[in-house]
Amino acid sequence: MIDGIYVSYGHKPVEMVQELLQHLNLARSIAPGARIGLKPNLVVARPAWEGATTSPQLVEGVIQYLQDHGHKNIVVLEGSWIGDSTRRAFQVCGYTELAERYGVELVDLQKDSFHPRKVMELELLVCDELSRVDFLINLPVLKGHCQTKITCALKNLKGCIPNQEKRRFHTLGLHKPIAYLNKAVPTDLVIVDGLMGDLDFEEGGNPVQMDRILVGSDPVLVDSYVAHLLGYDPEEIGYLPLAAELGVGRLFGPDTEVVVLRGAHATQRMQPTRKVARLARLVQEDQACSACFGSLIHALARLDERGLLPSVPRPLSIGQGFRGKTGQGLGIGSCTRGLGDYAPGCPPSAKAILDFLAERLS
């Protein structure tokens, strides 16, 4: 059991994830000969840079680490959402080629048989392949969601149930069955792809570059920390307190240890989408790191949802170019501490920025 959350910033996912796993000595936690399941998020057949799916480079780094430590029995498991083909997602997202190169198995859970698992009063259908996995590594994407506000580790296990059960989850309101599913299917490790995640939608299209990877063994802790990063209190995400009550994990709080292994943030960003560009018009940016800039964009999106965006003071200054400069206005991140007022952090979370701006609007 890994205590706390471990973070690496940058734009080289293979190196970043291997450094994290080496630091945690993950191989020691896995029994020799264990069948290791890797569960990415391939909800749709869209490449990772669109903000919906797990980077194949991140998964490649995990496979390399495991194989280098003698763990060869590796399977990639996924069942895309209803209406899309998992096989096509494997191909488009780069996993077919990845599996061939490293000799790992791909399992399409849309075609798998299934069995019931009961949690308290709720019976859930779970794909049979999960019963053949000895160690489950959950590799979700850090992103928003139009119905549940966020989607990360807990919701990523929806890919482990048959399509008929996915439909039923929506009739049950999503939050309760998601929490109960994670009681029925324990996760051994969570590795979050926080490199590029969509601002609002599970299927991508409005990606925000955040250049980070998160690792932890408690999916509730990881997801509630992700909620914080995206500008939400954990209690705003219905399935988080439910999962905590079921004993799946604990919620993120002030006492949670967050260990940063690699703090060198990337400064090169992809071309912003139309929505991201609209939010960025409020920002005066000079050499801003992607992690810091991404947090600000998510905070502005939360203010936009509340109808408060027009009232935000402008410009908001952000970036390394403001180091040592003085002046008036609002700054975001520790590089802007010389301005009249600033939100500290390197990088600050979206929740911290949101609270900072909200206080100045009241």
Foldseek 3Di string as FASTA:
>chain_A
DDAFKEKEFDDQLLVRLLVVCVVVVVLVVDDQPFQEEEEWFLQAQAECQLAATFQVSNVLSVLVNCVVSRHQNYEYEFEHAPPHFPVNSCVSHVNVVSCVVSVYHYDHQLPAAWDWDDDVPDIAIFGPVLVRGDAYEYEYEWEQAQQQGTDGRLNSCVRGGYNVRVVVCVVVPVQQVSLRVCVRRPHQKYKYHHQWHALHHNVGRFIAGQRMIMIDRQPLQVVQVSCQQLAHHSVSRRNSVVNVVSVSHDYDDPPGDYHYDHLDFAQDDDDGDPLLVVLCVLEDEDSAGSNQSRQQSSLLVVCVVVVNNVQFDGNEYHHLVCAPPEEEDEYAEPSNVRYPYYQYDSHRGNNSVNVVRVVVSD
